[in-house]
PDB file of N, CA and C in Angstrom:
ATOM      1  N   MET A   1     221.905  37.381 -97.845  1.00  0.00           N
ATOM      2  CA  MET A   1     223.060  36.538 -97.980  1.00  0.00           C
ATOM      3  C   MET A   1     222.649  35.108 -97.626  1.00  0.00           C
ATOM      4  N   ASP A   2     222.991  34.169 -98.493  1.00  0.00           N
ATOM      5  CA  ASP A   2     222.694  32.756 -98.282  1.00  0.00           C
ATOM      6  C   ASP A   2     223.972  32.071 -97.811  1.00  0.00           C
ATOM      7  N   VAL A   3     223.960  31.571 -96.577  1.00  0.00           N
ATOM      8  CA  VAL A   3     225.155  30.974 -95.980  1.00  0.00           C
ATOM      9  C   VAL A   3     224.860  29.524 -95.613  1.00  0.00           C
ATOM     10  N   MET A   4     225.756  28.628 -96.028  1.00  0.00           N
ATOM     11  CA  MET A   4     225.625  27.204 -95.723  1.00  0.00           C
ATOM     12  C   MET A   4     226.924  26.680 -95.149  1.00  0.00           C
ATOM     13  N   ILE A   5     226.798  25.836 -94.155  1.00  0.00           N
ATOM     14  CA  ILE A   5     227.921  25.019 -93.705  1.00  0.00           C
ATOM     15  C   ILE A   5     227.662  23.626 -94.263  1.00  0.00           C
ATOM     16  N   ILE A   6     228.645  23.075 -94.947  1.00  0.00           N
ATOM     17  CA  ILE A   6     228.557  21.698 -95.437  1.00  0.00           C
ATOM     18  C   ILE A   6     229.654  20.934 -94.719  1.00  0.00           C
ATOM     19  N   ALA A   7     229.246  19.935 -93.942  1.00  0.00           N
ATOM     20  CA  ALA A   7     230.206  19.228 -93.093  1.00  0.00           C
ATOM     21  C   ALA A   7     229.801  17.769 -92.942  1.00  0.00           C
ATOM     22  N   SER A   8     230.760  16.984 -92.499  1.00  0.00           N
ATOM     23  CA  SER A   8     230.437  15.613 -92.135  1.00  0.00           C
ATOM     24  C   SER A   8     229.872  15.609 -90.714  1.00  0.00           C
ATOM     25  N   ARG A   9     229.064  14.625 -90.414  1.00  0.00           N
ATOM     26  CA  ARG A   9     228.438  14.553 -89.091  1.00  0.00           C
ATOM     27  C   ARG A   9     229.466  14.436 -87.964  1.00  0.00           C
ATOM     28  N   ASP A  10     230.602  13.815 -88.240  1.00  0.00           N
ATOM     29  CA  ASP A  10     231.596  13.646 -87.185  1.00  0.00           C
ATOM     30  C   ASP A  10     232.655  14.754 -87.151  1.00  0.00           C
ATOM     31  N   CYS A  11     232.488  15.788 -87.947  1.00  0.00           N
ATOM     32  CA  CYS A  11     233.420  16.914 -87.954  1.00  0.00           C
ATOM     33  C   CYS A  11     233.263  17.717 -86.665  1.00  0.00           C
ATOM     34  N   THR A  12     234.344  17.859 -85.946  1.00  0.00           N
ATOM     35  CA  THR A  12     234.290  18.629 -84.706  1.00  0.00           C
ATOM     36  C   THR A  12     234.441  20.120 -84.955  1.00  0.00           C
ATOM     37  N   HIS A  13     234.990  20.489 -86.102  1.00  0.00           N
ATOM     38  CA  HIS A  13     235.238  21.895 -86.382  1.00  0.00           C
ATOM     39  C   HIS A  13     233.994  22.664 -86.826  1.00  0.00           C
ATOM     40  N   TYR A  14     233.040  21.995 -87.423  1.00  0.00           N
ATOM     41  CA  TYR A  14     231.887  22.739 -87.924  1.00  0.00           C
ATOM     42  C   TYR A  14     231.095  23.377 -86.783  1.00  0.00           C
ATOM     43  N   ARG A  15     231.132  22.777 -85.616  1.00  0.00           N
ATOM     44  CA  ARG A  15     230.431  23.367 -84.467  1.00  0.00           C
ATOM     45  C   ARG A  15     231.059  24.708 -84.072  1.00  0.00           C
ATOM     46  N   ASN A  16     232.384  24.790 -84.178  1.00  0.00           N
ATOM     47  CA  ASN A  16     233.067  26.060 -83.917  1.00  0.00           C
ATOM     48  C   ASN A  16     232.678  27.109 -84.946  1.00  0.00           C
ATOM     49  N   LEU A  17     232.598  26.695 -86.196  1.00  0.00           N
ATOM     50  CA  LEU A  17     232.186  27.606 -87.259  1.00  0.00           C
ATOM     51  C   LEU A  17     230.758  28.082 -87.016  1.00  0.00           C
ATOM     52  N   ALA A  18     229.878  27.183 -86.653  1.00  0.00           N
ATOM     53  CA  ALA A  18     228.488  27.549 -86.368  1.00  0.00           C
ATOM     54  C   ALA A  18     228.425  28.540 -85.205  1.00  0.00           C
ATOM     55  N   ARG A  19     229.224  28.310 -84.182  1.00  0.00           N
ATOM     56  CA  ARG A  19     229.246  29.218 -83.027  1.00  0.00           C
ATOM     57  C   ARG A  19     229.715  30.614 -83.442  1.00  0.00           C
ATOM     58  N   GLU A  20     230.730  30.675 -84.285  1.00  0.00           N
ATOM     59  CA  GLU A  20     231.221  31.970 -84.777  1.00  0.00           C
ATOM     60  C   GLU A  20     230.138  32.704 -85.573  1.00  0.00           C
ATOM     61  N   LEU A  21     229.435  31.964 -86.427  1.00  0.00           N
ATOM     62  CA  LEU A  21     228.351  32.579 -87.205  1.00  0.00           C
ATOM     63  C   LEU A  21     227.239  33.066 -86.282  1.00  0.00           C
ATOM     64  N   ASP A  22     226.917  32.283 -85.266  1.00  0.00           N
ATOM     65  CA  ASP A  22     225.916  32.707 -84.281  1.00  0.00           C
ATOM     66  C   ASP A  22     226.353  34.001 -83.598  1.00  0.00           C
ATOM     67  N   ASP A  23     227.620  34.060 -83.186  1.00  0.00           N
ATOM     68  CA  ASP A  23     228.148  35.251 -82.519  1.00  0.00           C
ATOM     69  C   ASP A  23     228.081  36.485 -83.416  1.00  0.00           C
ATOM     70  N   LEU A  24     228.234  36.264 -84.723  1.00  0.00           N
ATOM     71  CA  LEU A  24     228.170  37.367 -85.681  1.00  0.00           C
ATOM     72  C   LEU A  24     226.737  37.704 -86.093  1.00  0.00           C
ATOM     73  N   GLY A  25     225.775  36.914 -85.636  1.00  0.00           N
ATOM     74  CA  GLY A  25     224.379  37.152 -85.998  1.00  0.00           C
ATOM     75  C   GLY A  25     224.043  36.779 -87.431  1.00  0.00           C
ATOM     76  N   VAL A  26     224.782  35.838 -87.987  1.00  0.00           N
ATOM     77  CA  VAL A  26     224.585  35.409 -89.376  1.00  0.00           C
ATOM     78  C   VAL A  26     223.660  34.195 -89.401  1.00  0.00           C
ATOM     79  N   ASP A  27     222.616  34.270 -90.216  1.00  0.00           N
ATOM     80  CA  ASP A  27     221.734  33.123 -90.428  1.00  0.00           C
ATOM     81  C   ASP A  27     222.417  32.155 -91.390  1.00  0.00           C
ATOM     82  N   TYR A  28     222.303  30.885 -91.113  1.00  0.00           N
ATOM     83  CA  TYR A  28     222.941  29.869 -91.947  1.00  0.00           C
ATOM     84  C   TYR A  28     222.174  28.561 -91.819  1.00  0.00           C
ATOM     85  N   LYS A  29     222.473  27.660 -92.727  1.00  0.00           N
ATOM     86  CA  LYS A  29     221.924  26.307 -92.684  1.00  0.00           C
ATOM     87  C   LYS A  29     223.090  25.329 -92.681  1.00  0.00           C
ATOM     88  N   VAL A  30     222.906  24.217 -91.986  1.00  0.00           N
ATOM     89  CA  VAL A  30     223.919  23.168 -91.946  1.00  0.00           C
ATOM     90  C   VAL A  30     223.431  21.992 -92.784  1.00  0.00           C
ATOM     91  N   PHE A  31     224.296  21.511 -93.657  1.00  0.00           N
ATOM     92  CA  PHE A  31     224.014  20.338 -94.469  1.00  0.00           C
ATOM     93  C   PHE A  31     225.117  19.317 -94.214  1.00  0.00           C
ATOM     94  N   TYR A  32     224.725  18.072 -94.090  1.00  0.00           N
ATOM     95  CA  TYR A  32     225.680  16.999 -93.826  1.00  0.00           C
ATOM     96  C   TYR A  32     225.967  16.232 -95.113  1.00  0.00           C
ATOM     97  N   VAL A  33     227.250  15.996 -95.372  1.00  0.00           N
ATOM     98  CA  VAL A  33     227.646  15.326 -96.608  1.00  0.00           C
ATOM     99  C   VAL A  33     227.010  13.948 -96.728  1.00  0.00           C
ATOM    100  N   GLU A  34     226.779  13.301 -95.593  1.00  0.00           N
ATOM    101  CA  GLU A  34     226.175  11.972 -95.609  1.00  0.00           C
ATOM    102  C   GLU A  34     224.737  11.997 -96.151  1.00  0.00           C
ATOM    103  N   ASP A  35     224.070  13.138 -96.032  1.00  0.00           N
ATOM    104  CA  ASP A  35     222.673  13.265 -96.446  1.00  0.00           C
ATOM    105  C   ASP A  35     222.486  14.015 -97.761  1.00  0.00           C
ATOM    106  N   GLU A  36     223.536  14.664 -98.251  1.00  0.00           N
ATOM    107  CA  GLU A  36     223.405  15.574 -99.395  1.00  0.00           C
ATOM    108  C   GLU A  36     224.446  15.293-100.476  1.00  0.00           C
ATOM    109  N   PRO A  37     224.383  14.120-101.119  1.00  0.00           N
ATOM    110  CA  PRO A  37     225.395  13.805-102.131  1.00  0.00           C
ATOM    111  C   PRO A  37     225.405  14.795-103.296  1.00  0.00           C
ATOM    112  N   GLU A  38     224.271  15.398-103.593  1.00  0.00           N
ATOM    113  CA  GLU A  38     224.244  16.364-104.697  1.00  0.00           C
ATOM    114  C   GLU A  38     225.046  17.619-104.360  1.00  0.00           C
ATOM    115  N   LEU A  39     225.046  18.040-103.093  1.00  0.00           N
ATOM    116  CA  LEU A  39     225.864  19.188-102.692  1.00  0.00           C
ATOM    117  C   LEU A  39     227.346  18.828-102.715  1.00  0.00           C
ATOM    118  N   VAL A  40     227.664  17.611-102.316  1.00  0.00           N
ATOM    119  CA  VAL A  40     229.049  17.135-102.356  1.00  0.00           C
ATOM    120  C   VAL A  40     229.571  17.206-103.783  1.00  0.00           C
ATOM    121  N   GLU A  41     228.770  16.749-104.712  1.00  0.00           N
ATOM    122  CA  GLU A  41     229.160  16.776-106.130  1.00  0.00           C
ATOM    123  C   GLU A  41     229.227  18.213-106.654  1.00  0.00           C
ATOM    124  N   LYS A  42     228.214  18.980-106.395  1.00  0.00           N
ATOM    125  CA  LYS A  42     228.131  20.358-106.917  1.00  0.00           C
ATOM    126  C   LYS A  42     229.310  21.212-106.471  1.00  0.00           C
ATOM    127  N   TYR A  43     229.657  21.120-105.180  1.00  0.00           N
ATOM    128  CA  TYR A  43     230.711  21.968-104.624  1.00  0.00           C
ATOM    129  C   TYR A  43     232.054  21.262-104.480  1.00  0.00           C
ATOM    130  N   LYS A  44     232.140  20.026-105.008  1.00  0.00           N
ATOM    131  CA  LYS A  44     233.394  19.267-104.980  1.00  0.00           C
ATOM    132  C   LYS A  44     233.940  19.169-103.548  1.00  0.00           C
ATOM    133  N   ILE A  45     233.090  18.754-102.641  1.00  0.00           N
ATOM    134  CA  ILE A  45     233.435  18.656-101.229  1.00  0.00           C
ATOM    135  C   ILE A  45     234.331  17.441-100.989  1.00  0.00           C
ATOM    136  N   ARG A  46     235.478  17.681-100.332  1.00  0.00           N
ATOM    137  CA  ARG A  46     236.402  16.597-100.013  1.00  0.00           C
ATOM    138  C   ARG A  46     236.847  16.655 -98.554  1.00  0.00           C
ATOM    139  N   HIS A  47     236.638  17.790 -97.902  1.00  0.00           N
ATOM    140  CA  HIS A  47     237.041  17.985 -96.520  1.00  0.00           C
ATOM    141  C   HIS A  47     235.898  18.642 -95.752  1.00  0.00           C
ATOM    142  N   SER A  48     236.074  18.790 -94.463  1.00  0.00           N
ATOM    143  CA  SER A  48     235.022  19.363 -93.639  1.00  0.00           C
ATOM    144  C   SER A  48     235.660  20.228 -92.557  1.00  0.00           C
ATOM    145  N   PRO A  49     235.062  21.378 -92.291  1.00  0.00           N
ATOM    146  CA  PRO A  49     233.823  21.947 -92.808  1.00  0.00           C
ATOM    147  C   PRO A  49     234.072  22.816 -94.036  1.00  0.00           C
ATOM    148  N   ASN A  50     233.010  23.141 -94.722  1.00  0.00           N
ATOM    149  CA  ASN A  50     233.035  24.046 -95.867  1.00  0.00           C
ATOM    150  C   ASN A  50     232.029  25.151 -95.617  1.00  0.00           C
ATOM    151  N   LEU A  51     232.389  26.372 -95.978  1.00  0.00           N
ATOM    152  CA  LEU A  51     231.467  27.495 -95.861  1.00  0.00           C
ATOM    153  C   LEU A  51     231.132  27.979 -97.261  1.00  0.00           C
ATOM    154  N   VAL A  52     229.851  27.946 -97.588  1.00  0.00           N
ATOM    155  CA  VAL A  52     229.377  28.388 -98.897  1.00  0.00           C
ATOM    156  C   VAL A  52     228.558  29.649 -98.688  1.00  0.00           C
ATOM    157  N   VAL A  53     228.938  30.715 -99.389  1.00  0.00           N
ATOM    158  CA  VAL A  53     228.244  31.992 -99.280  1.00  0.00           C
ATOM    159  C   VAL A  53     227.742  32.372-100.664  1.00  0.00           C
ATOM    160  N   ASP A  54     226.432  32.556-100.769  1.00  0.00           N
ATOM    161  CA  ASP A  54     225.802  32.926-102.036  1.00  0.00           C
ATOM    162  C   ASP A  54     226.251  32.024-103.184  1.00  0.00           C
ATOM    163  N   GLY A  55     226.289  30.712-102.914  1.00  0.00           N
ATOM    164  CA  GLY A  55     226.584  29.738-103.955  1.00  0.00           C
ATOM    165  C   GLY A  55     228.052  29.540-104.274  1.00  0.00           C
ATOM    166  N   GLU A  56     228.950  30.174-103.526  1.00  0.00           N
ATOM    167  CA  GLU A  56     230.385  30.057-103.774  1.00  0.00           C
ATOM    168  C   GLU A  56     231.068  29.507-102.527  1.00  0.00           C
ATOM    169  N   VAL A  57     231.903  28.485-102.707  1.00  0.00           N
ATOM    170  CA  VAL A  57     232.667  27.955-101.580  1.00  0.00           C
ATOM    171  C   VAL A  57     233.714  28.997-101.209  1.00  0.00           C
ATOM    172  N   ARG A  58     233.597  29.522-100.004  1.00  0.00           N
ATOM    173  CA  ARG A  58     234.542  30.553 -99.548  1.00  0.00           C
ATOM    174  C   ARG A  58     235.655  29.962 -98.698  1.00  0.00           C
ATOM    175  N   PHE A  59     235.349  28.889 -97.963  1.00  0.00           N
ATOM    176  CA  PHE A  59     236.363  28.227 -97.139  1.00  0.00           C
ATOM    177  C   PHE A  59     236.145  26.723 -97.207  1.00  0.00           C
ATOM    178  N   ARG A  60     237.239  25.984 -97.310  1.00  0.00           N
ATOM    179  CA  ARG A  60     237.200  24.525 -97.299  1.00  0.00           C
ATOM    180  C   ARG A  60     237.855  23.993 -96.026  1.00  0.00           C
ATOM    181  N   GLU A  61     237.955  24.854 -95.052  1.00  0.00           N
ATOM    182  CA  GLU A  61     238.491  24.506 -93.740  1.00  0.00           C
ATOM    183  C   GLU A  61     237.963  25.543 -92.761  1.00  0.00           C
ATOM    184  N   LEU A  62     238.269  25.388 -91.513  1.00  0.00           N
ATOM    185  CA  LEU A  62     237.802  26.324 -90.505  1.00  0.00           C
ATOM    186  C   LEU A  62     238.538  27.654 -90.667  1.00  0.00           C
ATOM    187  N   PRO A  63     237.810  28.742 -90.996  1.00  0.00           N
ATOM    188  CA  PRO A  63     238.473  30.045 -91.148  1.00  0.00           C
ATOM    189  C   PRO A  63     238.781  30.653 -89.783  1.00  0.00           C
ATOM    190  N   THR A  64     239.716  31.597 -89.782  1.00  0.00           N
ATOM    191  CA  THR A  64     239.958  32.352 -88.562  1.00  0.00           C
ATOM    192  C   THR A  64     238.785  33.317 -88.370  1.00  0.00           C
ATOM    193  N   GLU A  65     238.686  33.857 -87.186  1.00  0.00           N
ATOM    194  CA  GLU A  65     237.620  34.828 -86.917  1.00  0.00           C
ATOM    195  C   GLU A  65     237.753  36.035 -87.844  1.00  0.00           C
ATOM    196  N   HIS A  66     238.976  36.496 -88.056  1.00  0.00           N
ATOM    197  CA  HIS A  66     239.212  37.641 -88.943  1.00  0.00           C
ATOM    198  C   HIS A  66     238.791  37.306 -90.383  1.00  0.00           C
ATOM    199  N   GLU A  67     239.183  36.135 -90.879  1.00  0.00           N
ATOM    200  CA  GLU A  67     238.805  35.733 -92.241  1.00  0.00           C
ATOM    201  C   GLU A  67     237.290  35.666 -92.390  1.00  0.00           C
ATOM    202  N   LEU A  68     236.640  35.148 -91.372  1.00  0.00           N
ATOM    203  CA  LEU A  68     235.186  35.019 -91.418  1.00  0.00           C
ATOM    204  C   LEU A  68     234.519  36.391 -91.444  1.00  0.00           C
ATOM    205  N   ARG A  69     234.972  37.294 -90.597  1.00  0.00           N
ATOM    206  CA  ARG A  69     234.401  38.657 -90.572  1.00  0.00           C
ATOM    207  C   ARG A  69     234.593  39.345 -91.916  1.00  0.00           C
ATOM    208  N   GLU A  70     235.795  39.214 -92.499  1.00  0.00           N
ATOM    209  CA  GLU A  70     236.076  39.841 -93.800  1.00  0.00           C
ATOM    210  C   GLU A  70     235.179  39.273 -94.900  1.00  0.00           C
ATOM    211  N   CYS A  71     234.988  37.973 -94.867  1.00  0.00           N
ATOM    212  CA  CYS A  71     234.177  37.293 -95.872  1.00  0.00           C
ATOM    213  C   CYS A  71     232.715  37.729 -95.804  1.00  0.00           C
ATOM    214  N   LEU A  72     232.222  37.954 -94.604  1.00  0.00           N
ATOM    215  CA  LEU A  72     230.791  38.182 -94.403  1.00  0.00           C
ATOM    216  C   LEU A  72     230.410  39.650 -94.221  1.00  0.00           C
ATOM    217  N   LYS A  73     231.373  40.550 -94.256  1.00  0.00           N
ATOM    218  CA  LYS A  73     231.006  41.939 -94.052  1.00  0.00           C
ATOM    219  C   LYS A  73     230.248  42.465 -95.261  1.00  0.00           C
ATOM    220  N   PRO A  74     229.246  43.306 -95.005  1.00  0.00           N
ATOM    221  CA  PRO A  74     228.402  43.818 -96.090  1.00  0.00           C
ATOM    222  C   PRO A  74     229.196  44.683 -97.070  1.00  0.00           C
ATOM    223  N   GLY A  75     228.707  44.642 -98.311  1.00  0.00           N
ATOM    224  CA  GLY A  75     229.251  45.524 -99.340  1.00  0.00           C
ATOM    225  C   GLY A  75     230.546  45.080 -99.813  1.00  0.00           C
TER     226      GLY A  75
END
């Protein structure tokens, strides 16, 4: 599973999302909109944070813990 957080550097919520992913044992990469204009264009990023799973934007805001678990559960 390829998981990305796309966020602005000053977004306070992406750190919470990263912590949740860490708690779930999910590997992910963080990309900052200020450094990755091609990702902003590709995924039509307008808010922060965004969670992209296997090339699909799954959340354009901070998901609840339940939503995150449902999104990332295998199978």
